[in-house]
N, C-alpha and C. Protein backbone atom coordinates (compact mmCIF):
# COMPACT_ATOMS: atom_id res chain seq x y z
N MET A 1 8.70 7.74 -9.99
CA MET A 1 8.44 7.26 -8.65
C MET A 1 9.76 7.21 -7.90
N LYS A 2 9.72 7.68 -6.68
CA LYS A 2 10.91 7.72 -5.84
C LYS A 2 10.89 6.57 -4.84
N GLU A 3 11.98 5.82 -4.78
CA GLU A 3 12.10 4.73 -3.83
C GLU A 3 12.40 5.29 -2.44
N LYS A 4 11.70 4.75 -1.44
CA LYS A 4 11.91 5.15 -0.05
C LYS A 4 11.88 3.91 0.83
N ILE A 5 12.37 4.08 2.05
CA ILE A 5 12.30 3.01 3.04
C ILE A 5 11.65 3.58 4.29
N LEU A 6 10.76 2.80 4.87
CA LEU A 6 10.07 3.23 6.08
C LEU A 6 11.06 3.24 7.24
N ASP A 7 11.13 4.36 7.94
CA ASP A 7 12.08 4.54 9.04
C ASP A 7 12.01 3.39 10.03
N GLY A 8 13.18 2.88 10.41
CA GLY A 8 13.26 1.84 11.42
C GLY A 8 12.83 0.47 10.96
N THR A 9 12.64 0.28 9.66
CA THR A 9 12.21 -1.01 9.12
C THR A 9 13.05 -1.36 7.90
N LYS A 10 12.75 -2.50 7.31
CA LYS A 10 13.34 -2.89 6.04
C LYS A 10 12.25 -2.94 4.98
N VAL A 11 11.26 -2.07 5.13
CA VAL A 11 10.11 -2.03 4.22
C VAL A 11 10.31 -0.91 3.20
N TYR A 12 10.27 -1.30 1.92
CA TYR A 12 10.47 -0.35 0.83
C TYR A 12 9.14 0.02 0.19
N TYR A 13 9.06 1.28 -0.24
CA TYR A 13 7.89 1.74 -0.98
C TYR A 13 8.31 2.80 -1.98
N TRP A 14 7.42 3.09 -2.91
CA TRP A 14 7.67 4.06 -3.97
C TRP A 14 6.50 5.03 -3.99
N THR A 15 6.82 6.30 -4.26
CA THR A 15 5.78 7.32 -4.32
C THR A 15 6.16 8.41 -5.32
N ASN A 16 5.15 9.05 -5.85
CA ASN A 16 5.39 10.21 -6.70
C ASN A 16 5.38 11.44 -5.79
N GLU A 17 6.22 12.39 -6.11
CA GLU A 17 6.31 13.60 -5.30
C GLU A 17 5.84 14.79 -6.13
N ASN A 18 5.65 15.90 -5.45
CA ASN A 18 5.25 17.15 -6.11
C ASN A 18 3.92 17.02 -6.83
N ILE A 19 2.98 16.34 -6.22
CA ILE A 19 1.63 16.24 -6.79
C ILE A 19 0.65 16.76 -5.76
N GLU A 20 -0.25 17.61 -6.20
CA GLU A 20 -1.29 18.14 -5.33
C GLU A 20 -2.55 17.30 -5.52
N SER A 21 -2.90 16.52 -4.52
CA SER A 21 -4.10 15.68 -4.60
C SER A 21 -4.58 15.37 -3.20
N ASP A 22 -5.89 15.39 -3.03
CA ASP A 22 -6.47 15.01 -1.74
C ASP A 22 -6.62 13.50 -1.63
N VAL A 23 -6.39 12.81 -2.71
CA VAL A 23 -6.58 11.36 -2.76
C VAL A 23 -5.24 10.68 -3.04
N CYS A 24 -4.96 9.63 -2.28
CA CYS A 24 -3.79 8.80 -2.51
C CYS A 24 -4.27 7.39 -2.86
N ILE A 25 -3.66 6.81 -3.87
CA ILE A 25 -3.93 5.42 -4.20
C ILE A 25 -2.78 4.59 -3.63
N PHE A 26 -3.13 3.62 -2.78
CA PHE A 26 -2.13 2.78 -2.12
C PHE A 26 -2.26 1.37 -2.67
N PHE A 27 -1.24 0.93 -3.43
CA PHE A 27 -1.25 -0.37 -4.08
C PHE A 27 -0.55 -1.43 -3.23
N SER A 28 -1.18 -2.61 -3.13
CA SER A 28 -0.60 -3.75 -2.43
C SER A 28 -0.69 -4.98 -3.34
N HIS A 29 0.44 -5.53 -3.69
CA HIS A 29 0.55 -6.62 -4.67
C HIS A 29 0.18 -7.98 -4.09
N GLY A 30 0.20 -8.98 -4.94
CA GLY A 30 -0.11 -10.35 -4.55
C GLY A 30 1.13 -11.13 -4.11
N VAL A 31 0.88 -12.36 -3.66
CA VAL A 31 1.95 -13.22 -3.15
C VAL A 31 2.96 -13.53 -4.26
N THR A 32 4.20 -13.59 -3.92
CA THR A 32 5.37 -13.82 -4.77
C THR A 32 5.61 -12.70 -5.78
N ALA A 33 4.83 -11.65 -5.76
CA ALA A 33 5.02 -10.51 -6.66
C ALA A 33 5.70 -9.38 -5.88
N ASP A 34 5.78 -8.22 -6.51
CA ASP A 34 6.27 -7.02 -5.83
C ASP A 34 5.59 -5.80 -6.45
N HIS A 35 6.06 -4.62 -6.08
CA HIS A 35 5.42 -3.38 -6.51
C HIS A 35 5.32 -3.23 -8.02
N ARG A 36 6.16 -3.93 -8.77
CA ARG A 36 6.18 -3.77 -10.23
C ARG A 36 4.89 -4.23 -10.90
N CYS A 37 4.08 -5.03 -10.22
CA CYS A 37 2.86 -5.53 -10.88
C CYS A 37 1.85 -4.41 -11.14
N PHE A 38 2.04 -3.24 -10.55
CA PHE A 38 1.13 -2.11 -10.76
C PHE A 38 1.75 -0.99 -11.59
N ARG A 39 2.77 -1.29 -12.36
CA ARG A 39 3.45 -0.24 -13.14
C ARG A 39 2.51 0.46 -14.14
N LYS A 40 1.67 -0.28 -14.82
CA LYS A 40 0.76 0.33 -15.80
C LYS A 40 -0.24 1.26 -15.11
N GLN A 41 -0.70 0.87 -13.93
CA GLN A 41 -1.62 1.71 -13.17
C GLN A 41 -0.91 2.97 -12.69
N GLU A 42 0.34 2.83 -12.27
CA GLU A 42 1.14 4.00 -11.89
C GLU A 42 1.22 4.98 -13.05
N GLU A 43 1.56 4.47 -14.23
CA GLU A 43 1.69 5.32 -15.42
C GLU A 43 0.41 6.10 -15.67
N TYR A 44 -0.73 5.45 -15.50
CA TYR A 44 -2.01 6.09 -15.77
C TYR A 44 -2.35 7.17 -14.75
N PHE A 45 -2.09 6.90 -13.48
CA PHE A 45 -2.52 7.80 -12.40
C PHE A 45 -1.45 8.78 -11.91
N ILE A 46 -0.22 8.65 -12.37
CA ILE A 46 0.90 9.37 -11.76
C ILE A 46 0.75 10.89 -11.74
N ASN A 47 0.11 11.46 -12.72
CA ASN A 47 -0.06 12.91 -12.76
C ASN A 47 -1.39 13.38 -12.20
N LYS A 48 -2.21 12.44 -11.73
CA LYS A 48 -3.54 12.78 -11.23
C LYS A 48 -3.67 12.64 -9.72
N TYR A 49 -2.98 11.66 -9.15
CA TYR A 49 -3.13 11.34 -7.73
C TYR A 49 -1.77 11.04 -7.10
N LYS A 50 -1.71 11.25 -5.81
CA LYS A 50 -0.57 10.75 -5.04
C LYS A 50 -0.65 9.22 -5.08
N ILE A 51 0.49 8.57 -5.28
CA ILE A 51 0.54 7.11 -5.36
C ILE A 51 1.54 6.60 -4.34
N ILE A 52 1.16 5.55 -3.64
CA ILE A 52 2.10 4.79 -2.81
C ILE A 52 1.98 3.34 -3.26
N ASN A 53 3.11 2.76 -3.54
CA ASN A 53 3.18 1.38 -4.00
C ASN A 53 4.31 0.73 -3.22
N TRP A 54 4.03 -0.35 -2.53
CA TRP A 54 5.04 -0.92 -1.65
C TRP A 54 5.31 -2.36 -1.95
N ASP A 55 6.44 -2.83 -1.42
CA ASP A 55 6.73 -4.25 -1.39
C ASP A 55 6.32 -4.74 -0.01
N ILE A 56 5.27 -5.54 0.03
CA ILE A 56 4.79 -6.10 1.29
C ILE A 56 5.93 -6.89 1.94
N PRO A 57 6.05 -6.86 3.27
CA PRO A 57 7.12 -7.62 3.91
C PRO A 57 7.20 -9.06 3.38
N LEU A 58 8.43 -9.52 3.21
CA LEU A 58 8.82 -10.82 2.66
C LEU A 58 8.72 -10.88 1.14
N HIS A 59 8.56 -9.73 0.49
CA HIS A 59 8.46 -9.67 -0.97
C HIS A 59 9.36 -8.57 -1.51
N GLY A 60 9.85 -8.77 -2.73
CA GLY A 60 10.64 -7.74 -3.41
C GLY A 60 11.79 -7.24 -2.56
N LYS A 61 11.97 -5.91 -2.53
CA LYS A 61 13.06 -5.32 -1.75
C LYS A 61 12.80 -5.42 -0.25
N SER A 62 11.57 -5.71 0.15
CA SER A 62 11.23 -5.87 1.57
C SER A 62 11.37 -7.32 2.01
N GLU A 63 12.10 -8.13 1.25
CA GLU A 63 12.17 -9.57 1.51
C GLU A 63 12.78 -9.92 2.86
N HIS A 64 13.57 -9.04 3.43
CA HIS A 64 14.19 -9.34 4.72
C HIS A 64 13.39 -8.80 5.90
N SER A 65 12.20 -8.32 5.62
CA SER A 65 11.34 -7.78 6.67
C SER A 65 10.66 -8.90 7.44
N ASP A 66 10.30 -8.60 8.66
CA ASP A 66 9.50 -9.54 9.44
C ASP A 66 8.04 -9.41 9.03
N PHE A 67 7.36 -10.52 8.96
CA PHE A 67 5.92 -10.51 8.66
C PHE A 67 5.25 -11.41 9.67
N LEU A 68 4.43 -10.83 10.50
CA LEU A 68 3.77 -11.62 11.53
C LEU A 68 2.26 -11.68 11.35
N SER A 69 1.65 -10.65 10.82
CA SER A 69 0.21 -10.66 10.65
C SER A 69 -0.22 -9.58 9.66
N TYR A 70 -1.43 -9.73 9.15
CA TYR A 70 -1.99 -8.70 8.27
C TYR A 70 -2.22 -7.42 9.05
N GLU A 71 -2.54 -7.55 10.33
CA GLU A 71 -2.73 -6.36 11.15
C GLU A 71 -1.43 -5.56 11.25
N GLU A 72 -0.33 -6.26 11.45
CA GLU A 72 0.95 -5.56 11.51
C GLU A 72 1.29 -4.90 10.17
N CYS A 73 0.96 -5.57 9.07
CA CYS A 73 1.17 -4.96 7.75
C CYS A 73 0.33 -3.69 7.61
N SER A 74 -0.91 -3.75 8.07
CA SER A 74 -1.76 -2.55 7.95
C SER A 74 -1.21 -1.41 8.81
N LYS A 75 -0.59 -1.74 9.93
CA LYS A 75 0.02 -0.70 10.77
C LYS A 75 1.25 -0.10 10.08
N LEU A 76 1.99 -0.93 9.33
CA LEU A 76 3.09 -0.40 8.52
C LEU A 76 2.55 0.53 7.44
N MET A 77 1.44 0.14 6.81
CA MET A 77 0.81 1.00 5.80
C MET A 77 0.45 2.35 6.41
N LYS A 78 -0.10 2.34 7.62
CA LYS A 78 -0.47 3.59 8.31
C LYS A 78 0.76 4.44 8.57
N LYS A 79 1.87 3.81 8.98
CA LYS A 79 3.10 4.57 9.20
C LYS A 79 3.59 5.22 7.91
N ILE A 80 3.43 4.51 6.79
CA ILE A 80 3.84 5.07 5.50
C ILE A 80 2.98 6.28 5.15
N ILE A 81 1.66 6.17 5.28
CA ILE A 81 0.83 7.32 4.91
C ILE A 81 1.06 8.49 5.86
N ASP A 82 1.32 8.20 7.13
CA ASP A 82 1.63 9.29 8.06
C ASP A 82 2.94 9.97 7.67
N LYS A 83 3.95 9.18 7.33
CA LYS A 83 5.24 9.74 6.90
C LYS A 83 5.07 10.61 5.66
N GLU A 84 4.19 10.18 4.75
CA GLU A 84 3.96 10.92 3.50
C GLU A 84 2.90 12.02 3.65
N LYS A 85 2.40 12.20 4.87
CA LYS A 85 1.40 13.23 5.17
C LYS A 85 0.13 13.08 4.33
N VAL A 86 -0.30 11.83 4.20
CA VAL A 86 -1.52 11.49 3.46
C VAL A 86 -2.64 11.29 4.46
N LYS A 87 -3.80 11.86 4.18
CA LYS A 87 -4.94 11.73 5.08
C LYS A 87 -5.94 10.67 4.62
N LYS A 88 -6.17 10.57 3.30
CA LYS A 88 -7.20 9.68 2.75
C LYS A 88 -6.62 8.82 1.64
N VAL A 89 -6.95 7.52 1.68
CA VAL A 89 -6.44 6.60 0.67
C VAL A 89 -7.55 5.79 0.03
N VAL A 90 -7.31 5.44 -1.21
CA VAL A 90 -8.05 4.39 -1.89
C VAL A 90 -7.09 3.22 -1.93
N LEU A 91 -7.49 2.12 -1.32
CA LEU A 91 -6.65 0.94 -1.21
C LEU A 91 -6.91 0.02 -2.40
N VAL A 92 -5.86 -0.44 -3.04
CA VAL A 92 -5.97 -1.39 -4.13
C VAL A 92 -5.15 -2.61 -3.72
N GLY A 93 -5.85 -3.71 -3.45
CA GLY A 93 -5.17 -4.92 -3.01
C GLY A 93 -5.42 -6.08 -3.95
N LEU A 94 -4.32 -6.65 -4.45
CA LEU A 94 -4.39 -7.80 -5.35
C LEU A 94 -4.05 -9.06 -4.56
N SER A 95 -4.96 -10.02 -4.54
CA SER A 95 -4.74 -11.31 -3.90
C SER A 95 -4.26 -11.12 -2.47
N LEU A 96 -3.03 -11.53 -2.14
CA LEU A 96 -2.48 -11.34 -0.80
C LEU A 96 -2.62 -9.89 -0.35
N GLY A 97 -2.38 -8.95 -1.25
CA GLY A 97 -2.45 -7.52 -0.91
C GLY A 97 -3.83 -7.07 -0.47
N GLY A 98 -4.85 -7.88 -0.76
CA GLY A 98 -6.20 -7.55 -0.31
C GLY A 98 -6.37 -7.69 1.19
N TYR A 99 -5.58 -8.55 1.81
CA TYR A 99 -5.74 -8.79 3.25
C TYR A 99 -5.26 -7.62 4.11
N PRO A 100 -4.03 -7.14 3.94
CA PRO A 100 -3.66 -5.96 4.73
C PRO A 100 -4.49 -4.74 4.36
N SER A 101 -4.95 -4.67 3.10
CA SER A 101 -5.81 -3.55 2.69
C SER A 101 -7.14 -3.59 3.44
N GLN A 102 -7.73 -4.79 3.54
CA GLN A 102 -8.99 -4.92 4.30
C GLN A 102 -8.78 -4.58 5.76
N MET A 103 -7.68 -5.03 6.33
CA MET A 103 -7.40 -4.76 7.73
C MET A 103 -7.18 -3.26 7.95
N PHE A 104 -6.49 -2.61 7.00
CA PHE A 104 -6.29 -1.16 7.09
C PHE A 104 -7.65 -0.45 7.11
N ALA A 105 -8.53 -0.83 6.19
CA ALA A 105 -9.86 -0.20 6.12
C ALA A 105 -10.62 -0.41 7.42
N TYR A 106 -10.46 -1.57 8.03
CA TYR A 106 -11.13 -1.88 9.29
C TYR A 106 -10.55 -1.05 10.45
N LEU A 107 -9.23 -0.99 10.53
CA LEU A 107 -8.58 -0.29 11.63
C LEU A 107 -8.60 1.23 11.48
N TYR A 108 -8.57 1.70 10.23
CA TYR A 108 -8.44 3.14 9.98
C TYR A 108 -9.53 3.64 9.03
N PRO A 109 -10.80 3.51 9.41
CA PRO A 109 -11.87 3.92 8.51
C PRO A 109 -11.84 5.41 8.18
N ASP A 110 -11.33 6.23 9.08
CA ASP A 110 -11.27 7.67 8.82
C ASP A 110 -10.24 8.02 7.75
N ASN A 111 -9.29 7.13 7.50
CA ASN A 111 -8.29 7.35 6.46
C ASN A 111 -8.64 6.67 5.14
N THR A 112 -9.69 5.87 5.14
CA THR A 112 -10.04 5.06 3.97
C THR A 112 -11.25 5.63 3.25
N ILE A 113 -11.10 5.91 1.96
CA ILE A 113 -12.26 6.36 1.18
C ILE A 113 -12.71 5.33 0.16
N GLY A 114 -11.91 4.27 0.00
CA GLY A 114 -12.31 3.21 -0.92
C GLY A 114 -11.39 2.02 -0.82
N LEU A 115 -11.94 0.87 -1.21
CA LEU A 115 -11.16 -0.38 -1.24
C LEU A 115 -11.50 -1.12 -2.52
N ILE A 116 -10.47 -1.38 -3.30
CA ILE A 116 -10.62 -2.17 -4.52
C ILE A 116 -9.90 -3.49 -4.26
N ALA A 117 -10.66 -4.57 -4.19
CA ALA A 117 -10.11 -5.89 -3.89
C ALA A 117 -10.11 -6.70 -5.18
N ILE A 118 -8.92 -7.05 -5.65
CA ILE A 118 -8.76 -7.75 -6.92
C ILE A 118 -8.32 -9.19 -6.63
N ASP A 119 -9.15 -10.15 -7.03
CA ASP A 119 -8.78 -11.57 -6.91
C ASP A 119 -8.37 -11.94 -5.49
N THR A 120 -9.13 -11.44 -4.52
CA THR A 120 -8.89 -11.74 -3.12
C THR A 120 -10.20 -12.16 -2.49
N THR A 121 -10.17 -12.55 -1.24
CA THR A 121 -11.39 -12.95 -0.55
C THR A 121 -11.52 -12.15 0.74
N PRO A 122 -12.75 -12.04 1.24
CA PRO A 122 -12.92 -11.37 2.53
C PRO A 122 -12.30 -12.20 3.64
N PHE A 123 -11.70 -11.54 4.63
CA PHE A 123 -11.11 -12.30 5.72
C PHE A 123 -12.01 -12.41 6.93
N GLY A 124 -13.23 -11.93 6.81
CA GLY A 124 -14.19 -12.01 7.90
C GLY A 124 -15.59 -12.04 7.35
N LEU A 125 -16.55 -11.87 8.25
CA LEU A 125 -17.95 -11.89 7.82
C LEU A 125 -18.34 -10.61 7.13
């Protein structure tokens, strides 16, 4: 996995390169954690799918980032997939990570093919 930073931000993410896949798995960790909580899943999927795994603002290497809302986090996620030229994602959100993932699915349904919510709650009806 290659470490990258989103242009114009202090948001860090990791991705595998040189993989041909129409599907990207986008991992979002829980509160007080960072991208490392999905290492075993990365190992399993790394040769099958494009993977993006990030440190949500105020966590891990993104600890100095501004965090104002889940909507803003989902917009950062969109900027990451656009930078990586990804069209479709399966979102995997653990606890806190479930909230920006849900917002992403709501705001960008054409880019979302699935949402896996782990130990999180719906933020709306």
